[in-house]
Amino acid sequence: TTIINSLKNLGKSYSNQELVRKILRCLPKSWTPKVTAIEEAKDLSTLPLEQLLGSLMTHETTMKNHENVEVSKKKSIAFKASKEDSESDEDGDVALITSQFK
């Protein structure tokens, strides 16, 4: 949008169709499935620039949410084990009885 506005200020303007096609062409390869879906589902000659940008922003938000979910699934919790010696055998007997009772 900034580039488009700057070009308009310099006297160069593009039609809506040209802008839509230029934006779709400049997206990275990771966006290829979305670009293909837009090209097949929409008539690019009548697709408003605002609708295209809204669709792309929605897709970007969805991709970020999926990345966050994948990262949170990868996190795991580790516990540190420690061994404490009991002072007497009575403590061990009480612990054994308690664990068997449960």
N, C-alpha and C. Protein backbone atom coordinates (compact mmCIF):
# COMPACT_ATOMS: atom_id res chain seq x y z
N THR A 1 0.83 -1.20 0.00
CA THR A 1 0.00 0.00 0.00
C THR A 1 0.87 1.25 0.00
N THR A 2 1.95 1.21 0.75
CA THR A 2 2.86 2.35 0.79
C THR A 2 3.49 2.59 -0.58
N ILE A 3 3.91 1.51 -1.23
CA ILE A 3 4.52 1.64 -2.57
C ILE A 3 3.50 2.17 -3.57
N ILE A 4 2.29 1.66 -3.49
CA ILE A 4 1.23 2.11 -4.41
C ILE A 4 0.96 3.60 -4.23
N ASN A 5 0.85 4.03 -2.97
CA ASN A 5 0.60 5.46 -2.70
C ASN A 5 1.77 6.32 -3.17
N SER A 6 2.98 5.84 -2.97
CA SER A 6 4.15 6.61 -3.43
C SER A 6 4.15 6.73 -4.94
N LEU A 7 3.82 5.65 -5.63
CA LEU A 7 3.76 5.69 -7.10
C LEU A 7 2.68 6.67 -7.58
N LYS A 8 1.54 6.68 -6.89
CA LYS A 8 0.48 7.62 -7.27
C LYS A 8 0.96 9.05 -7.10
N ASN A 9 1.72 9.32 -6.04
CA ASN A 9 2.25 10.66 -5.81
C ASN A 9 3.24 11.07 -6.90
N LEU A 10 3.91 10.08 -7.48
CA LEU A 10 4.86 10.36 -8.56
C LEU A 10 4.19 10.39 -9.93
N GLY A 11 2.88 10.15 -9.95
CA GLY A 11 2.16 10.23 -11.21
C GLY A 11 1.97 8.89 -11.90
N LYS A 12 2.42 7.82 -11.34
CA LYS A 12 2.26 6.49 -11.93
C LYS A 12 1.15 5.77 -11.19
N SER A 13 0.15 5.34 -11.92
CA SER A 13 -0.94 4.60 -11.28
C SER A 13 -1.19 3.31 -12.04
N TYR A 14 -1.61 2.33 -11.31
CA TYR A 14 -1.92 1.01 -11.88
C TYR A 14 -3.40 0.73 -11.69
N SER A 15 -3.95 -0.08 -12.58
CA SER A 15 -5.34 -0.49 -12.42
C SER A 15 -5.42 -1.49 -11.26
N ASN A 16 -6.60 -1.68 -10.76
CA ASN A 16 -6.82 -2.62 -9.66
C ASN A 16 -6.36 -4.02 -10.05
N GLN A 17 -6.66 -4.42 -11.28
CA GLN A 17 -6.28 -5.75 -11.76
C GLN A 17 -4.76 -5.91 -11.77
N GLU A 18 -4.04 -4.88 -12.22
CA GLU A 18 -2.57 -4.94 -12.24
C GLU A 18 -2.01 -5.04 -10.82
N LEU A 19 -2.58 -4.29 -9.89
CA LEU A 19 -2.11 -4.32 -8.50
C LEU A 19 -2.33 -5.70 -7.88
N VAL A 20 -3.49 -6.28 -8.11
CA VAL A 20 -3.79 -7.61 -7.57
C VAL A 20 -2.80 -8.63 -8.10
N ARG A 21 -2.57 -8.61 -9.38
CA ARG A 21 -1.64 -9.57 -9.99
C ARG A 21 -0.20 -9.36 -9.50
N LYS A 22 0.23 -8.11 -9.35
CA LYS A 22 1.58 -7.83 -8.87
C LYS A 22 1.76 -8.31 -7.43
N ILE A 23 0.78 -8.09 -6.60
CA ILE A 23 0.87 -8.53 -5.20
C ILE A 23 0.93 -10.06 -5.13
N LEU A 24 0.10 -10.73 -5.89
CA LEU A 24 0.12 -12.20 -5.88
C LEU A 24 1.44 -12.76 -6.39
N ARG A 25 2.05 -12.07 -7.36
CA ARG A 25 3.34 -12.53 -7.91
C ARG A 25 4.48 -12.35 -6.93
N CYS A 26 4.42 -11.34 -6.07
CA CYS A 26 5.56 -11.04 -5.20
C CYS A 26 5.55 -11.82 -3.88
N LEU A 27 4.51 -12.62 -3.64
CA LEU A 27 4.46 -13.39 -2.39
C LEU A 27 5.49 -14.52 -2.40
N PRO A 28 6.01 -14.90 -1.22
CA PRO A 28 7.02 -15.98 -1.16
C PRO A 28 6.42 -17.34 -1.53
N LYS A 29 7.29 -18.32 -1.76
CA LYS A 29 6.86 -19.65 -2.20
C LYS A 29 5.95 -20.33 -1.19
N SER A 30 6.12 -20.03 0.09
CA SER A 30 5.26 -20.66 1.11
C SER A 30 3.79 -20.28 0.93
N TRP A 31 3.53 -19.22 0.19
CA TRP A 31 2.16 -18.76 -0.05
C TRP A 31 1.58 -19.31 -1.35
N THR A 32 2.31 -20.12 -2.07
CA THR A 32 1.86 -20.63 -3.37
C THR A 32 0.49 -21.30 -3.31
N PRO A 33 0.21 -22.17 -2.31
CA PRO A 33 -1.14 -22.77 -2.26
C PRO A 33 -2.26 -21.73 -2.13
N LYS A 34 -2.02 -20.70 -1.32
CA LYS A 34 -3.04 -19.66 -1.15
C LYS A 34 -3.21 -18.85 -2.43
N VAL A 35 -2.11 -18.52 -3.09
CA VAL A 35 -2.17 -17.77 -4.34
C VAL A 35 -2.95 -18.56 -5.38
N THR A 36 -2.66 -19.86 -5.48
CA THR A 36 -3.36 -20.72 -6.44
C THR A 36 -4.85 -20.76 -6.13
N ALA A 37 -5.18 -20.88 -4.85
CA ALA A 37 -6.60 -20.93 -4.45
C ALA A 37 -7.32 -19.63 -4.81
N ILE A 38 -6.67 -18.50 -4.58
CA ILE A 38 -7.28 -17.21 -4.92
C ILE A 38 -7.45 -17.08 -6.43
N GLU A 39 -6.42 -17.47 -7.19
CA GLU A 39 -6.51 -17.35 -8.65
C GLU A 39 -7.61 -18.22 -9.23
N GLU A 40 -7.81 -19.40 -8.64
CA GLU A 40 -8.85 -20.31 -9.17
C GLU A 40 -10.25 -19.95 -8.69
N ALA A 41 -10.35 -19.41 -7.48
CA ALA A 41 -11.68 -19.15 -6.92
C ALA A 41 -12.22 -17.77 -7.26
N LYS A 42 -11.36 -16.83 -7.53
CA LYS A 42 -11.80 -15.45 -7.74
C LYS A 42 -11.51 -15.00 -9.17
N ASP A 43 -12.28 -14.04 -9.59
CA ASP A 43 -12.02 -13.37 -10.87
C ASP A 43 -11.08 -12.20 -10.59
N LEU A 44 -9.82 -12.36 -10.96
CA LEU A 44 -8.82 -11.35 -10.62
C LEU A 44 -9.07 -10.01 -11.29
N SER A 45 -9.82 -10.01 -12.36
CA SER A 45 -10.10 -8.74 -13.04
C SER A 45 -11.10 -7.89 -12.25
N THR A 46 -11.90 -8.51 -11.39
CA THR A 46 -12.88 -7.76 -10.62
C THR A 46 -12.63 -7.82 -9.11
N LEU A 47 -11.60 -8.54 -8.68
CA LEU A 47 -11.31 -8.68 -7.24
C LEU A 47 -10.77 -7.35 -6.70
N PRO A 48 -11.46 -6.77 -5.72
CA PRO A 48 -10.97 -5.52 -5.13
C PRO A 48 -9.67 -5.75 -4.36
N LEU A 49 -8.78 -4.80 -4.41
CA LEU A 49 -7.50 -4.89 -3.72
C LEU A 49 -7.70 -5.09 -2.22
N GLU A 50 -8.68 -4.40 -1.65
CA GLU A 50 -8.94 -4.50 -0.21
C GLU A 50 -9.35 -5.92 0.17
N GLN A 51 -10.14 -6.56 -0.67
CA GLN A 51 -10.58 -7.93 -0.39
C GLN A 51 -9.38 -8.89 -0.46
N LEU A 52 -8.51 -8.68 -1.43
CA LEU A 52 -7.30 -9.50 -1.55
C LEU A 52 -6.43 -9.35 -0.30
N LEU A 53 -6.17 -8.11 0.10
CA LEU A 53 -5.34 -7.87 1.28
C LEU A 53 -5.96 -8.46 2.53
N GLY A 54 -7.28 -8.36 2.67
CA GLY A 54 -7.96 -8.96 3.82
C GLY A 54 -7.81 -10.47 3.84
N SER A 55 -7.94 -11.09 2.68
CA SER A 55 -7.80 -12.53 2.58
C SER A 55 -6.37 -12.97 2.92
N LEU A 56 -5.39 -12.23 2.45
CA LEU A 56 -4.00 -12.56 2.73
C LEU A 56 -3.66 -12.36 4.21
N MET A 57 -4.19 -11.31 4.81
CA MET A 57 -3.95 -11.07 6.23
C MET A 57 -4.59 -12.15 7.09
N THR A 58 -5.77 -12.60 6.71
CA THR A 58 -6.44 -13.68 7.43
C THR A 58 -5.62 -14.97 7.33
N HIS A 59 -5.11 -15.24 6.15
CA HIS A 59 -4.29 -16.44 5.95
C HIS A 59 -3.00 -16.36 6.78
N GLU A 60 -2.39 -15.19 6.83
CA GLU A 60 -1.17 -15.01 7.61
C GLU A 60 -1.44 -15.25 9.10
N THR A 61 -2.55 -14.75 9.60
CA THR A 61 -2.91 -14.96 11.00
C THR A 61 -3.13 -16.43 11.28
N THR A 62 -3.80 -17.11 10.38
CA THR A 62 -4.04 -18.55 10.54
C THR A 62 -2.74 -19.33 10.56
N MET A 63 -1.81 -18.97 9.67
CA MET A 63 -0.51 -19.65 9.63
C MET A 63 0.25 -19.44 10.93
N LYS A 64 0.21 -18.24 11.48
CA LYS A 64 0.90 -17.95 12.75
C LYS A 64 0.28 -18.74 13.89
N ASN A 65 -1.04 -18.85 13.90
CA ASN A 65 -1.72 -19.62 14.95
C ASN A 65 -1.33 -21.09 14.88
N HIS A 66 -1.23 -21.64 13.67
CA HIS A 66 -0.83 -23.04 13.52
C HIS A 66 0.61 -23.24 13.99
N GLU A 67 1.48 -22.28 13.73
CA GLU A 67 2.87 -22.37 14.20
C GLU A 67 2.92 -22.36 15.72
N ASN A 68 2.11 -21.50 16.34
CA ASN A 68 2.08 -21.42 17.80
C ASN A 68 1.59 -22.72 18.42
N VAL A 69 0.59 -23.34 17.80
CA VAL A 69 0.06 -24.61 18.30
C VAL A 69 1.12 -25.70 18.19
N GLU A 70 1.84 -25.73 17.07
CA GLU A 70 2.88 -26.74 16.88
C GLU A 70 4.00 -26.56 17.90
N VAL A 71 4.38 -25.33 18.18
CA VAL A 71 5.43 -25.06 19.15
C VAL A 71 4.99 -25.49 20.54
N SER A 72 3.75 -25.19 20.90
CA SER A 72 3.28 -25.56 22.24
C SER A 72 3.15 -27.07 22.39
N LYS A 73 2.86 -27.79 21.30
CA LYS A 73 2.79 -29.25 21.37
C LYS A 73 4.17 -29.86 21.59
N LYS A 74 5.21 -29.20 21.10
CA LYS A 74 6.57 -29.72 21.22
C LYS A 74 7.15 -29.53 22.60
N LYS A 75 6.60 -28.61 23.38
CA LYS A 75 7.12 -28.36 24.72
C LYS A 75 6.79 -29.55 25.62
N SER A 76 7.74 -29.91 26.43
CA SER A 76 7.52 -30.99 27.38
C SER A 76 8.05 -30.58 28.74
N ILE A 77 7.59 -31.29 29.74
CA ILE A 77 7.98 -30.99 31.11
C ILE A 77 8.89 -32.10 31.60
N ALA A 78 9.98 -31.73 32.22
CA ALA A 78 10.89 -32.71 32.79
C ALA A 78 10.99 -32.47 34.28
N PHE A 79 11.01 -33.54 35.03
CA PHE A 79 11.13 -33.46 36.48
C PHE A 79 12.50 -33.95 36.88
N LYS A 80 13.06 -33.30 37.85
CA LYS A 80 14.35 -33.72 38.36
C LYS A 80 14.11 -34.67 39.53
N ALA A 81 14.74 -35.82 39.46
CA ALA A 81 14.58 -36.81 40.52
C ALA A 81 15.63 -36.59 41.59
N SER A 82 15.20 -36.76 42.79
CA SER A 82 16.16 -36.68 43.89
C SER A 82 15.83 -37.79 44.88
N LYS A 83 16.84 -38.28 45.55
CA LYS A 83 16.66 -39.37 46.50
C LYS A 83 17.05 -38.87 47.87
N GLU A 84 16.14 -39.05 48.80
CA GLU A 84 16.41 -38.64 50.17
C GLU A 84 16.48 -39.89 51.03
N ASP A 85 17.47 -39.95 51.90
CA ASP A 85 17.59 -41.08 52.82
C ASP A 85 16.70 -40.82 54.02
N SER A 86 15.94 -41.84 54.41
CA SER A 86 15.09 -41.69 55.58
C SER A 86 15.93 -41.90 56.83
N GLU A 87 15.51 -41.24 57.89
CA GLU A 87 16.29 -41.31 59.12
C GLU A 87 16.10 -42.63 59.85
N SER A 88 14.98 -43.25 59.66
CA SER A 88 14.77 -44.53 60.35
C SER A 88 13.93 -45.43 59.49
N ASP A 89 13.90 -46.70 59.86
CA ASP A 89 13.11 -47.67 59.12
C ASP A 89 11.62 -47.46 59.34
N GLU A 90 11.25 -46.81 60.43
CA GLU A 90 9.83 -46.58 60.71
C GLU A 90 9.23 -45.68 59.64
N ASP A 91 9.96 -44.67 59.22
CA ASP A 91 9.47 -43.78 58.16
C ASP A 91 9.22 -44.57 56.88
N GLY A 92 10.12 -45.47 56.56
CA GLY A 92 9.97 -46.31 55.37
C GLY A 92 8.78 -47.22 55.49
N ASP A 93 8.55 -47.80 56.68
CA ASP A 93 7.40 -48.68 56.89
C ASP A 93 6.09 -47.91 56.76
N VAL A 94 6.06 -46.70 57.32
CA VAL A 94 4.84 -45.89 57.24
C VAL A 94 4.58 -45.53 55.78
N ALA A 95 5.62 -45.18 55.03
CA ALA A 95 5.45 -44.82 53.63
C ALA A 95 4.96 -46.02 52.84
N LEU A 96 5.48 -47.22 53.12
CA LEU A 96 5.07 -48.43 52.43
C LEU A 96 3.60 -48.74 52.73
N ILE A 97 3.21 -48.63 53.96
CA ILE A 97 1.82 -48.90 54.34
C ILE A 97 0.90 -47.88 53.67
N THR A 98 1.32 -46.63 53.69
CA THR A 98 0.49 -45.58 53.09
C THR A 98 0.32 -45.81 51.59
N SER A 99 1.40 -46.17 50.91
CA SER A 99 1.30 -46.38 49.47
C SER A 99 0.45 -47.61 49.14
N GLN A 100 0.53 -48.65 49.98
CA GLN A 100 -0.30 -49.82 49.75
C GLN A 100 -1.77 -49.55 50.07
N PHE A 101 -2.00 -48.68 51.04
CA PHE A 101 -3.37 -48.34 51.42
C PHE A 101 -4.07 -47.57 50.31
N LYS A 102 -3.33 -46.70 49.64
CA LYS A 102 -3.93 -45.90 48.57
C LYS A 102 -4.31 -46.81 47.43
